[in-house]
Amino acid sequence: MAYRLTCFVALLGLPLRRAALLLALLLTAAAGVGAAQEAAPTGASLKVWNRQVFVFRVPMFGLSPQQRADRASERIRDLPLASLGAPVEVANFTHEGVPGYAVMLEGETLFAIFTSDLEPGDPGVAQVAGQAAERLHQALLARQAQSSTRRFAVSLGWVALATAALAAVVFALQRLAAAIDARTQALRARAAARPLFDARRILVSALGYAIQWIKIALVLMAVYVWLAYVLTRFPYTHPWGESLDSSLVAVASRIAVAVLHALPDLALVAVIFLLAHLAVRGLHAVFNAAHASGVKVAALQADTIGATRRLTVVLVWLFAAVVAYPFIPGSDSDAFKGLSVFFGVLVTLGSSGVVSQIMSGFVLIYSRALQPGDYVQIGEAEGYVIELGTLSTKLRNRLDQEVTLPNSLVVATRILNSSDTSRTSGRGIALSTSVTIGYDSPWRQVHAMLVMAAGRTPDLLAEPTPEVRQVRLQDFYVEYELNVFMRAGAPKYDVLNTLHGHIQDVFNEYGVQIMSPNFVLQPATPVLVAKEDWRPPPAA
């Protein structure tokens, strides 16, 4: 039997194999614990062929209860095999004035029972002696049956059939689970494309896990039933099998009663979550209508309505969970409360950073400091915003690298948003560059040449027109700053590269040096621009 069990377990997958072995070990340990508990009463227990026959509680004939049990066990063990099927008889007698009953087989006394061996509440000694004789008779019959080669062979045959049935059940469950998995693959693929906290994605994921756990539970149940049946096929282990059967029936009946008692509360929980689902659908309809009508409310803007939708949906479901909690079966038990406290502590200790990131994300969204498509500089990171998430903000820099910044870092860092004006006046992304030119070059000519270079750069917008400012009058040169707007989405540093090339070309064409002369000695003649040369080409 052990070999067949080992072969069957080896056919299971690794998770199921471990679960089945663990179940078998636990059941065997439980049987051992049950047997130990049966022997727990005070006194010495007489066991025959794994069956308890009687418990001796008082010393008699100068023997302690344990010695009485040992002598009775020796007499029974020495019985010839041929006499095991004989009826066990009970006869009354008196020893030193103490009445008792002798349990005998073929005229030989095996042990004696006295009134003082009984416990309060037990029936009369005659009835107790008769029950002990019947239990002994059944134990001797089991011992006799165990020695039968034919009986053992028949038991092995039934075990083989039961093992084949178990293998068929496990195979059928595996195929059924695989078929369900194949049929729901498209559904799981669509759910995986949804946001992480989407209700449908969570429901589909929970359904997949439920199917796997139901399969494992059914396999374990089948192994349990198989083990109980196998144990009842052999006389020695028959009590263990009956114990497993009775335990299974007790557990099943207890579960059925608990389910029946919990049905009203479960119905109320279902109603609460149904109302929450309807409320969420109503919120979706409100947000969709607000988005379509273009309502000008801070929380319902195009770039904040998504976050507001997610926040309100989460609040609705949290409120539903809080209301439904008292009606969940077992919620008032100490185990459930302890588990709730345990998970609460874990969430409190482990999610402080996550909560900080989420709150920072909401700050960024509702402050409208940036949105996807903006060109920003956050600390040392610079690039286009490609994602403004709940936990982090992602940029695409000039090297086409994805930069991920925690939202708490973004909130605590200065943000330079070059695209801010694009949302108010429809302009592109602000861009600037500067050159330093000597005082001997007319500033009007420099202005015109910088505007001409900007006009030659394809990704720069003609409207609004480029602006040139003299930002500093230094000791040896003037610093000119060119402010332009480039097309949204254009690569900033490629546009600057093209613009700088055109600036050099234009200045070379009109003979103006981009150089800042530093004089060691003051020139003999003043470095001036004559009035007639104030507007050389291309200046107007």
Protein backbone atom coordinates (compact mmCIF):
# COMPACT_ATOMS: atom_id res chain seq x y z
CA MET A 1 0.00 0.00 0.00
CA ALA A 2 2.78 2.43 0.94
CA TYR A 3 4.49 1.75 -2.40
CA ARG A 4 1.29 2.43 -4.35
CA LEU A 5 0.73 5.63 -2.38
CA THR A 6 4.27 6.79 -3.16
CA CYS A 7 3.84 6.05 -6.87
CA PHE A 8 0.56 7.94 -6.99
CA VAL A 9 1.93 10.96 -5.18
CA ALA A 10 4.88 11.07 -7.59
CA LEU A 11 2.43 11.52 -10.49
CA LEU A 12 1.10 14.76 -9.05
CA GLY A 13 2.56 18.16 -9.85
CA LEU A 14 5.01 19.63 -7.38
CA PRO A 15 2.52 21.92 -5.59
CA LEU A 16 -0.16 19.23 -5.42
CA ARG A 17 2.41 16.63 -4.41
CA ARG A 18 3.53 18.74 -1.49
CA ALA A 19 -0.04 19.48 -0.50
CA ALA A 20 -1.01 15.80 -0.67
CA LEU A 21 2.01 14.71 1.35
CA LEU A 22 1.33 17.41 3.90
CA LEU A 23 -2.30 16.33 4.13
CA ALA A 24 -1.32 12.68 4.59
CA LEU A 25 1.17 13.57 7.33
CA LEU A 26 -1.34 15.80 9.08
CA LEU A 27 -4.05 13.15 8.92
CA THR A 28 -1.70 10.49 10.23
CA ALA A 29 -0.63 12.81 13.03
CA ALA A 30 -4.27 13.59 13.75
CA ALA A 31 -5.05 9.88 13.97
CA GLY A 32 -2.16 9.44 16.37
CA VAL A 33 -3.35 12.37 18.45
CA GLY A 34 -6.85 10.92 18.47
CA ALA A 35 -5.53 7.58 19.61
CA ALA A 36 -3.53 9.28 22.34
CA GLN A 37 -6.58 11.19 23.43
CA GLU A 38 -8.58 7.97 23.67
CA ALA A 39 -5.99 6.58 26.08
CA ALA A 40 -5.99 9.77 28.11
CA PRO A 41 -8.56 8.73 30.78
CA THR A 42 -7.10 7.94 34.21
CA GLY A 43 -6.22 4.27 34.54
CA ALA A 44 -4.62 1.68 32.31
CA SER A 45 -6.10 1.08 28.87
CA LEU A 46 -6.37 -2.42 27.40
CA LYS A 47 -5.90 -2.25 23.61
CA VAL A 48 -6.29 -5.17 21.26
CA TRP A 49 -5.38 -4.84 17.61
CA ASN A 50 -5.48 -1.04 17.65
CA ARG A 51 -8.87 -1.04 19.42
CA GLN A 52 -9.54 0.02 23.00
CA VAL A 53 -11.42 -2.70 24.90
CA PHE A 54 -11.50 -1.51 28.50
CA VAL A 55 -9.82 0.83 31.03
CA PHE A 56 -8.72 -0.58 34.42
CA ARG A 57 -8.96 2.05 37.14
CA VAL A 58 -8.40 0.29 40.48
CA PRO A 59 -5.83 -2.22 41.78
CA MET A 60 -7.10 -5.76 42.30
CA PHE A 61 -5.50 -9.10 43.18
CA GLY A 62 -2.49 -7.17 44.44
CA LEU A 63 -1.91 -5.76 40.95
CA SER A 64 -1.95 -2.15 39.85
CA PRO A 65 -4.28 -1.07 36.99
CA GLN A 66 -1.33 -1.08 34.56
CA GLN A 67 -0.29 -4.58 35.63
CA ARG A 68 -3.86 -5.82 35.20
CA ALA A 69 -3.88 -4.37 31.67
CA ASP A 70 -0.47 -5.90 30.83
CA ARG A 71 -1.48 -9.37 32.04
CA ALA A 72 -4.74 -9.24 30.11
CA SER A 73 -2.84 -8.17 27.00
CA GLU A 74 -0.39 -11.09 27.40
CA ARG A 75 -3.22 -13.60 27.74
CA ILE A 76 -4.97 -12.27 24.66
CA ARG A 77 -1.75 -12.19 22.66
CA ASP A 78 -1.05 -15.83 23.51
CA LEU A 79 -4.43 -17.02 22.24
CA PRO A 80 -4.13 -19.51 19.39
CA LEU A 81 -5.18 -18.25 15.97
CA ALA A 82 -7.84 -20.95 15.62
CA SER A 83 -9.73 -19.79 18.72
CA LEU A 84 -9.94 -16.10 17.80
CA GLY A 85 -13.33 -16.52 16.18
CA ALA A 86 -14.89 -18.16 19.21
CA PRO A 87 -17.52 -16.15 21.12
CA VAL A 88 -16.37 -14.14 24.11
CA GLU A 89 -18.39 -14.89 27.24
CA VAL A 90 -19.06 -13.02 30.48
CA ALA A 91 -19.50 -14.71 33.88
CA ASN A 92 -20.08 -13.17 37.27
CA PHE A 93 -18.01 -14.13 40.33
CA THR A 94 -17.05 -12.88 43.77
CA HIS A 95 -13.51 -12.23 44.97
CA GLU A 96 -13.03 -11.63 48.68
CA GLY A 97 -16.59 -10.46 48.92
CA VAL A 98 -16.25 -8.10 45.95
CA PRO A 99 -18.58 -8.99 43.05
CA GLY A 100 -17.20 -8.85 39.54
CA TYR A 101 -17.47 -10.20 36.00
CA ALA A 102 -14.93 -12.32 34.18
CA VAL A 103 -14.43 -11.95 30.42
CA MET A 104 -13.60 -15.42 29.07
CA LEU A 105 -12.80 -17.17 25.83
CA GLU A 106 -13.33 -20.95 25.61
CA GLY A 107 -13.47 -21.16 29.39
CA GLU A 108 -10.21 -19.24 29.98
CA THR A 109 -10.49 -15.97 31.91
CA LEU A 110 -8.77 -13.12 30.09
CA PHE A 111 -9.50 -10.27 32.52
CA ALA A 112 -12.00 -9.24 35.18
CA ILE A 113 -14.15 -6.15 35.65
CA PHE A 114 -15.30 -4.81 39.02
CA THR A 115 -17.74 -2.12 40.06
CA SER A 116 -14.89 0.09 41.27
CA ASP A 117 -13.50 0.14 37.70
CA LEU A 118 -16.51 2.14 36.54
CA GLU A 119 -16.78 5.90 36.36
CA PRO A 120 -19.71 7.99 37.58
CA GLY A 121 -22.48 7.89 35.00
CA ASP A 122 -21.50 4.50 33.57
CA PRO A 123 -24.22 1.83 33.27
CA GLY A 124 -24.21 -1.24 35.50
CA VAL A 125 -21.15 -3.44 35.73
CA ALA A 126 -22.90 -6.30 33.94
CA GLN A 127 -23.65 -4.07 30.94
CA VAL A 128 -20.12 -2.62 30.92
CA ALA A 129 -18.65 -6.13 30.99
CA GLY A 130 -20.87 -7.16 28.10
CA GLN A 131 -19.76 -4.14 26.04
CA ALA A 132 -16.12 -4.90 26.77
CA ALA A 133 -16.64 -8.53 25.71
CA GLU A 134 -18.21 -7.37 22.42
CA ARG A 135 -15.35 -4.98 21.71
CA LEU A 136 -12.84 -7.73 22.45
CA HIS A 137 -14.70 -10.10 20.13
CA GLN A 138 -14.59 -7.58 17.27
CA ALA A 139 -10.88 -6.96 17.87
CA LEU A 140 -10.11 -10.69 17.81
CA LEU A 141 -12.10 -11.07 14.57
CA ALA A 142 -10.10 -8.22 13.03
CA ARG A 143 -6.87 -9.90 14.11
CA GLN A 144 -8.02 -13.16 12.58
CA ALA A 145 -9.05 -11.44 9.36
CA GLN A 146 -5.71 -9.71 9.08
CA SER A 147 -3.94 -13.06 9.02
CA SER A 148 -5.99 -14.19 6.03
CA THR A 149 -4.00 -14.03 2.80
CA ARG A 150 -7.17 -13.95 0.74
CA ARG A 151 -8.60 -11.06 2.75
CA PHE A 152 -5.34 -9.14 2.40
CA ALA A 153 -5.28 -9.70 -1.37
CA VAL A 154 -8.89 -8.52 -1.70
CA SER A 155 -8.04 -5.40 0.33
CA LEU A 156 -5.10 -4.64 -1.94
CA GLY A 157 -7.41 -5.01 -4.93
CA TRP A 158 -9.85 -2.48 -3.51
CA VAL A 159 -6.96 -0.15 -2.72
CA ALA A 160 -5.76 -0.43 -6.33
CA LEU A 161 -9.25 0.42 -7.62
CA ALA A 162 -9.51 3.36 -5.22
CA THR A 163 -6.09 4.60 -6.32
CA ALA A 164 -7.11 4.37 -9.97
CA ALA A 165 -10.30 6.30 -9.19
CA LEU A 166 -8.28 8.96 -7.36
CA ALA A 167 -5.89 9.28 -10.30
CA ALA A 168 -8.88 9.64 -12.65
CA VAL A 169 -10.41 12.35 -10.45
CA VAL A 170 -7.12 14.28 -10.26
CA PHE A 171 -6.63 13.97 -14.03
CA ALA A 172 -10.19 15.17 -14.67
CA LEU A 173 -9.71 18.15 -12.35
CA GLN A 174 -6.46 19.06 -14.10
CA ARG A 175 -8.11 18.87 -17.53
CA LEU A 176 -11.11 20.88 -16.32
CA ALA A 177 -8.87 23.57 -14.85
CA ALA A 178 -6.83 23.69 -18.07
CA ALA A 179 -10.02 24.01 -20.16
CA ILE A 180 -11.31 26.85 -17.97
CA ASP A 181 -7.91 28.53 -18.18
CA ALA A 182 -7.93 28.29 -22.00
CA ARG A 183 -11.48 29.65 -22.25
CA THR A 184 -10.73 32.61 -19.97
CA GLN A 185 -7.38 33.48 -21.56
CA ALA A 186 -8.88 36.21 -23.76
CA LEU A 187 -10.79 37.61 -20.79
CA ARG A 188 -7.62 37.70 -18.67
CA ALA A 189 -5.69 39.37 -21.51
CA ARG A 190 -8.32 42.14 -21.75
CA ALA A 191 -8.33 42.55 -17.97
CA ALA A 192 -4.50 42.75 -17.86
CA ALA A 193 -4.65 45.81 -20.14
CA ARG A 194 -6.80 47.68 -17.62
CA PRO A 195 -5.38 49.86 -14.81
CA LEU A 196 -3.93 48.12 -11.78
CA PHE A 197 -6.79 48.99 -9.43
CA ASP A 198 -9.60 48.54 -11.96
CA ALA A 199 -12.52 46.53 -10.51
CA ARG A 200 -12.76 44.20 -13.52
CA ARG A 201 -9.06 43.43 -13.46
CA ILE A 202 -9.21 42.65 -9.74
CA LEU A 203 -12.32 40.49 -10.23
CA VAL A 204 -10.80 38.50 -13.11
CA SER A 205 -7.55 38.02 -11.16
CA ALA A 206 -9.48 36.87 -8.09
CA LEU A 207 -11.50 34.47 -10.27
CA GLY A 208 -8.29 32.92 -11.65
CA TYR A 209 -6.87 32.41 -8.18
CA ALA A 210 -10.21 31.03 -6.96
CA ILE A 211 -10.24 28.43 -9.74
CA GLN A 212 -6.73 27.28 -8.83
CA TRP A 213 -7.51 27.05 -5.12
CA ILE A 214 -10.81 25.26 -5.75
CA LYS A 215 -8.92 22.70 -7.84
CA ILE A 216 -6.36 22.20 -5.08
CA ALA A 217 -9.12 21.93 -2.46
CA LEU A 218 -10.97 19.30 -4.52
CA VAL A 219 -7.77 17.32 -5.03
CA LEU A 220 -7.04 17.42 -1.30
CA MET A 221 -10.61 16.34 -0.57
CA ALA A 222 -10.26 13.44 -2.96
CA VAL A 223 -6.98 12.42 -1.31
CA TYR A 224 -8.66 12.63 2.10
CA VAL A 225 -11.55 10.39 1.03
CA TRP A 226 -9.12 7.98 -0.65
CA LEU A 227 -7.00 7.76 2.49
CA ALA A 228 -10.02 7.17 4.73
CA TYR A 229 -11.27 4.43 2.40
CA VAL A 230 -7.86 2.75 2.18
CA LEU A 231 -7.51 2.70 5.96
CA THR A 232 -10.88 1.00 6.35
CA ARG A 233 -9.85 -1.80 3.98
CA PHE A 234 -7.40 -3.29 6.51
CA PRO A 235 -8.58 -4.54 9.90
CA TYR A 236 -5.72 -3.01 11.87
CA THR A 237 -6.18 0.52 10.45
CA HIS A 238 -9.97 0.30 10.26
CA PRO A 239 -10.49 2.49 13.39
CA TRP A 240 -8.34 5.23 11.85
CA GLY A 241 -10.40 5.18 8.67
CA GLU A 242 -13.63 5.38 10.62
CA SER A 243 -12.20 8.31 12.60
CA LEU A 244 -11.38 10.15 9.37
CA ASP A 245 -14.85 9.45 7.99
CA SER A 246 -16.56 10.73 11.12
CA SER A 247 -14.28 13.80 11.16
CA LEU A 248 -15.12 14.55 7.52
CA VAL A 249 -18.83 14.21 8.14
CA ALA A 250 -18.60 16.40 11.25
CA VAL A 251 -16.65 19.08 9.41
CA ALA A 252 -19.02 18.98 6.42
CA SER A 253 -22.09 19.22 8.63
CA ARG A 254 -20.55 22.06 10.61
CA ILE A 255 -19.72 23.94 7.41
CA ALA A 256 -23.22 23.37 6.03
CA VAL A 257 -24.81 24.67 9.22
CA ALA A 258 -22.47 27.67 9.26
CA VAL A 259 -23.30 28.47 5.62
CA LEU A 260 -27.04 28.26 6.30
CA HIS A 261 -26.70 30.57 9.28
CA ALA A 262 -24.54 32.99 7.29
CA LEU A 263 -26.88 33.23 4.27
CA PRO A 264 -28.82 36.30 5.53
CA ASP A 265 -25.60 38.18 6.32
CA LEU A 266 -24.09 37.17 2.98
CA ALA A 267 -27.22 38.43 1.20
CA LEU A 268 -26.87 41.76 3.01
CA VAL A 269 -23.19 41.99 2.05
CA ALA A 270 -24.15 41.28 -1.58
CA VAL A 271 -26.77 44.07 -1.45
CA ILE A 272 -24.22 46.52 -0.02
CA PHE A 273 -21.68 45.79 -2.75
CA LEU A 274 -24.42 45.90 -5.41
CA LEU A 275 -25.38 49.39 -4.23
CA ALA A 276 -21.69 50.37 -4.28
CA HIS A 277 -21.40 49.04 -7.84
CA LEU A 278 -24.44 51.06 -8.92
CA ALA A 279 -23.00 54.16 -7.22
CA VAL A 280 -19.71 53.68 -9.07
CA ARG A 281 -21.54 53.36 -12.38
CA GLY A 282 -23.43 56.55 -11.59
CA LEU A 283 -20.17 58.35 -10.84
CA HIS A 284 -18.73 57.16 -14.15
CA ALA A 285 -21.77 58.57 -15.95
CA VAL A 286 -21.41 61.92 -14.13
CA PHE A 287 -17.69 62.18 -14.95
CA ASN A 288 -18.26 61.24 -18.59
CA ALA A 289 -20.98 63.88 -18.89
CA ALA A 290 -18.77 66.49 -17.22
CA HIS A 291 -15.90 65.65 -19.54
CA ALA A 292 -18.13 65.84 -22.63
CA SER A 293 -19.74 69.15 -21.61
CA GLY A 294 -16.42 70.79 -20.70
CA VAL A 295 -17.41 71.83 -17.19
CA LYS A 296 -14.89 74.34 -15.81
CA VAL A 297 -14.38 72.95 -12.33
CA ALA A 298 -10.88 72.38 -10.92
CA ALA A 299 -11.55 68.73 -10.08
CA LEU A 300 -13.22 68.04 -13.45
CA GLN A 301 -10.66 69.48 -15.86
CA ALA A 302 -9.44 67.24 -18.65
CA ASP A 303 -6.14 66.59 -16.86
CA THR A 304 -7.67 66.03 -13.38
CA ILE A 305 -10.93 64.22 -14.11
CA GLY A 306 -9.18 60.85 -14.31
CA ALA A 307 -7.63 61.21 -10.87
CA THR A 308 -10.91 62.50 -9.42
CA ARG A 309 -12.72 59.52 -10.90
CA ARG A 310 -10.26 57.02 -9.40
CA LEU A 311 -10.27 58.75 -6.01
CA THR A 312 -14.06 58.82 -5.67
CA VAL A 313 -14.41 55.20 -6.83
CA VAL A 314 -11.86 54.05 -4.24
CA LEU A 315 -13.69 56.01 -1.53
CA VAL A 316 -17.03 54.43 -2.48
CA TRP A 317 -15.61 50.90 -2.33
CA LEU A 318 -13.82 51.61 0.95
CA PHE A 319 -17.06 52.91 2.44
CA ALA A 320 -18.90 49.80 1.21
CA ALA A 321 -16.23 47.55 2.76
CA VAL A 322 -16.50 49.36 6.11
CA VAL A 323 -20.31 49.08 6.12
CA ALA A 324 -20.26 45.40 5.07
CA TYR A 325 -17.50 44.35 7.49
CA PRO A 326 -19.75 43.58 10.51
CA PHE A 327 -21.94 41.31 8.35
CA ILE A 328 -19.09 39.17 6.99
CA PRO A 329 -19.32 35.68 8.58
CA GLY A 330 -16.67 35.29 11.26
CA SER A 331 -15.84 38.99 11.48
CA ASP A 332 -16.64 38.98 15.21
CA SER A 333 -14.31 36.06 15.97
CA ASP A 334 -11.04 36.64 17.81
CA ALA A 335 -9.09 35.00 14.98
CA PHE A 336 -10.60 37.36 12.40
CA LYS A 337 -9.95 40.37 14.61
CA GLY A 338 -6.36 39.31 15.23
CA LEU A 339 -5.80 38.80 11.51
CA SER A 340 -7.30 42.22 10.77
CA VAL A 341 -5.01 43.85 13.32
CA PHE A 342 -2.02 41.99 11.90
CA PHE A 343 -2.71 43.12 8.33
CA GLY A 344 -3.47 46.63 9.58
CA VAL A 345 -0.07 46.83 11.24
CA LEU A 346 1.61 45.51 8.09
CA VAL A 347 -0.18 48.05 5.91
CA THR A 348 0.61 50.88 8.35
CA LEU A 349 4.30 50.04 8.55
CA GLY A 350 4.82 49.06 4.92
CA SER A 351 2.67 51.56 3.07
CA SER A 352 3.77 54.85 4.62
CA GLY A 353 6.07 55.50 1.65
CA VAL A 354 3.38 54.38 -0.82
CA VAL A 355 0.79 56.69 0.75
CA SER A 356 3.29 59.56 0.56
CA GLN A 357 3.85 58.89 -3.15
CA ILE A 358 0.10 58.68 -3.82
CA MET A 359 -0.63 61.94 -2.01
CA SER A 360 2.24 63.63 -3.86
CA GLY A 361 0.76 62.35 -7.12
CA PHE A 362 -2.59 63.93 -6.29
CA VAL A 363 -0.81 67.19 -5.45
CA LEU A 364 0.83 67.22 -8.87
CA ILE A 365 -2.40 66.38 -10.66
CA TYR A 366 -4.64 68.89 -8.90
CA SER A 367 -2.06 71.68 -8.83
CA ARG A 368 -1.72 71.18 -12.61
CA ALA A 369 2.00 71.81 -12.33
CA LEU A 370 2.66 69.51 -15.28
CA GLN A 371 0.88 67.10 -17.55
CA PRO A 372 1.86 64.50 -20.17
CA GLY A 373 3.48 66.21 -23.16
CA ASP A 374 5.04 69.07 -21.20
CA TYR A 375 8.74 69.81 -21.50
CA VAL A 376 10.02 70.21 -17.96
CA GLN A 377 13.19 70.31 -15.92
CA ILE A 378 12.95 68.66 -12.49
CA GLY A 379 16.24 68.93 -10.65
CA GLU A 380 18.88 67.50 -12.96
CA ALA A 381 16.31 65.62 -15.09
CA GLU A 382 15.00 67.33 -18.22
CA GLY A 383 12.68 66.08 -20.92
CA TYR A 384 9.10 65.48 -22.02
CA VAL A 385 6.59 64.14 -19.49
CA ILE A 386 5.36 60.80 -20.84
CA GLU A 387 3.43 59.59 -17.78
CA LEU A 388 2.05 61.23 -14.65
CA GLY A 389 1.24 58.23 -12.48
CA THR A 390 -0.07 57.69 -8.98
CA LEU A 391 3.36 56.76 -7.60
CA SER A 392 5.88 58.26 -10.02
CA THR A 393 6.44 60.66 -12.92
CA LYS A 394 8.27 59.51 -16.06
CA LEU A 395 10.27 61.72 -18.44
CA ARG A 396 11.85 61.08 -21.84
CA ASN A 397 15.17 62.96 -21.98
CA ARG A 398 17.24 64.12 -24.95
CA LEU A 399 19.10 60.78 -25.09
CA ASP A 400 15.75 58.98 -25.51
CA GLN A 401 16.11 57.54 -22.00
CA GLU A 402 13.18 57.03 -19.67
CA VAL A 403 13.69 58.79 -16.34
CA THR A 404 11.44 57.74 -13.42
CA LEU A 405 11.06 60.19 -10.54
CA PRO A 406 9.11 59.42 -7.33
CA ASN A 407 6.24 61.85 -6.91
CA SER A 408 7.44 62.89 -3.46
CA LEU A 409 10.77 63.95 -5.02
CA VAL A 410 8.99 65.86 -7.78
CA VAL A 411 6.86 67.77 -5.26
CA ALA A 412 9.91 68.67 -3.17
CA THR A 413 11.98 69.83 -6.20
CA ARG A 414 11.72 72.99 -8.29
CA ILE A 415 9.87 72.33 -11.53
CA LEU A 416 10.69 74.40 -14.64
CA ASN A 417 7.85 73.87 -17.12
CA SER A 418 8.68 75.25 -20.55
CA SER A 419 5.22 74.25 -21.84
CA ASP A 420 3.19 76.25 -19.35
CA THR A 421 2.28 78.94 -21.86
CA SER A 422 1.06 76.36 -24.40
CA ARG A 423 -2.00 75.67 -22.23
CA THR A 424 -2.97 79.35 -21.86
CA SER A 425 -2.29 80.93 -25.23
CA GLY A 426 -1.79 78.01 -27.56
CA ARG A 427 1.91 78.67 -28.08
CA GLY A 428 4.60 76.03 -28.25
CA ILE A 429 7.52 75.30 -25.96
CA ALA A 430 9.66 78.23 -24.85
CA LEU A 431 13.28 78.11 -25.97
CA SER A 432 16.15 80.57 -25.52
CA THR A 433 19.81 80.96 -26.42
CA SER A 434 22.33 83.76 -26.07
CA VAL A 435 25.41 85.21 -27.82
CA THR A 436 27.93 87.89 -26.80
CA ILE A 437 28.90 90.53 -29.38
CA GLY A 438 31.32 93.42 -29.08
CA TYR A 439 30.21 97.04 -28.76
CA ASP A 440 31.51 97.78 -32.24
CA SER A 441 28.56 95.84 -33.78
CA PRO A 442 25.26 97.78 -34.09
CA TRP A 443 22.68 96.25 -31.77
CA ARG A 444 19.88 96.67 -34.31
CA GLN A 445 21.88 94.62 -36.82
CA VAL A 446 22.49 91.92 -34.21
CA HIS A 447 18.74 91.83 -33.43
CA ALA A 448 17.87 91.42 -37.08
CA MET A 449 20.45 88.71 -37.68
CA LEU A 450 19.23 86.66 -34.69
CA VAL A 451 15.62 86.92 -35.90
CA MET A 452 16.75 85.88 -39.40
CA ALA A 453 18.55 82.80 -37.98
CA ALA A 454 15.40 81.86 -36.07
CA GLY A 455 13.32 82.15 -39.24
CA ARG A 456 15.60 79.67 -41.01
CA THR A 457 15.08 76.97 -38.30
CA PRO A 458 12.17 74.68 -39.35
CA ASP A 459 10.93 73.58 -35.89
CA LEU A 460 10.64 77.14 -34.56
CA LEU A 461 7.22 78.80 -34.71
CA ALA A 462 6.71 82.02 -36.66
CA GLU A 463 4.00 83.10 -34.21
CA PRO A 464 4.63 84.48 -31.73
CA THR A 465 7.55 86.25 -33.36
CA PRO A 466 11.05 85.70 -31.96
CA GLU A 467 12.21 88.29 -29.45
CA VAL A 468 15.76 89.52 -28.85
CA ARG A 469 16.78 91.18 -25.58
CA GLN A 470 20.02 92.77 -24.47
CA VAL A 471 20.15 91.15 -21.07
CA ARG A 472 23.59 92.39 -19.95
CA LEU A 473 25.95 95.20 -20.83
CA GLN A 474 29.26 93.72 -19.76
CA ASP A 475 32.65 95.45 -19.63
CA PHE A 476 33.76 94.15 -23.02
CA TYR A 477 30.64 92.96 -24.83
CA VAL A 478 26.85 92.94 -24.95
CA GLU A 479 24.95 89.71 -24.14
CA TYR A 480 22.00 89.18 -26.49
CA GLU A 481 19.26 86.64 -25.66
CA LEU A 482 17.04 85.14 -28.37
CA ASN A 483 13.61 83.92 -27.11
CA VAL A 484 11.61 81.73 -29.45
CA PHE A 485 8.96 78.97 -29.31
CA MET A 486 9.50 75.59 -30.86
CA ARG A 487 6.94 73.08 -31.99
CA ALA A 488 5.57 70.91 -29.15
CA GLY A 489 7.16 67.48 -29.24
CA ALA A 490 10.28 68.58 -31.15
CA PRO A 491 13.65 67.43 -29.77
CA LYS A 492 14.94 70.48 -27.90
CA TYR A 493 18.66 69.94 -28.32
CA ASP A 494 18.36 69.06 -32.00
CA VAL A 495 16.44 72.30 -32.55
CA LEU A 496 19.12 74.24 -30.64
CA ASN A 497 21.82 72.60 -32.72
CA THR A 498 20.12 73.69 -35.94
CA LEU A 499 19.46 77.20 -34.58
CA HIS A 500 23.10 77.68 -33.52
CA GLY A 501 24.27 76.63 -36.96
CA HIS A 502 22.01 79.21 -38.62
CA ILE A 503 23.19 81.93 -36.20
CA GLN A 504 26.81 81.29 -37.18
CA ASP A 505 25.91 81.28 -40.88
CA VAL A 506 24.00 84.56 -40.71
CA PHE A 507 26.72 86.34 -38.73
CA ASN A 508 29.35 85.09 -41.17
CA GLU A 509 27.27 86.28 -44.13
CA TYR A 510 27.16 89.87 -42.79
CA GLY A 511 30.71 89.95 -41.46
CA VAL A 512 29.93 90.20 -37.76
CA GLN A 513 32.23 88.29 -35.48
CA ILE A 514 30.75 86.25 -32.63
CA MET A 515 33.64 87.09 -30.37
CA SER A 516 34.03 89.06 -27.18
CA PRO A 517 37.28 91.04 -27.37
CA ASN A 518 39.01 91.64 -24.06
CA PHE A 519 41.34 94.60 -24.40
CA VAL A 520 44.63 94.55 -22.50
CA LEU A 521 45.13 98.28 -23.24
CA GLN A 522 42.54 100.90 -24.05
CA PRO A 523 42.52 101.44 -27.87
CA ALA A 524 43.77 104.76 -29.17
CA THR A 525 40.42 105.50 -30.83
CA PRO A 526 37.00 104.89 -29.27
CA VAL A 527 35.24 101.63 -30.31
CA LEU A 528 32.04 103.19 -31.60
CA VAL A 529 29.47 102.67 -34.34
CA ALA A 530 28.89 105.69 -36.54
CA LYS A 531 25.25 106.85 -36.73
CA GLU A 532 25.13 106.21 -40.48
CA ASP A 533 26.09 102.61 -39.74
CA TRP A 534 23.39 102.04 -37.14
CA ARG A 535 21.17 100.12 -39.57
CA PRO A 536 23.40 98.03 -41.82
CA PRO A 537 21.76 95.10 -43.61
CA PRO A 538 19.71 93.18 -42.72
CA ALA A 539 18.49 95.74 -40.14
CA ALA A 540 15.54 97.82 -41.39
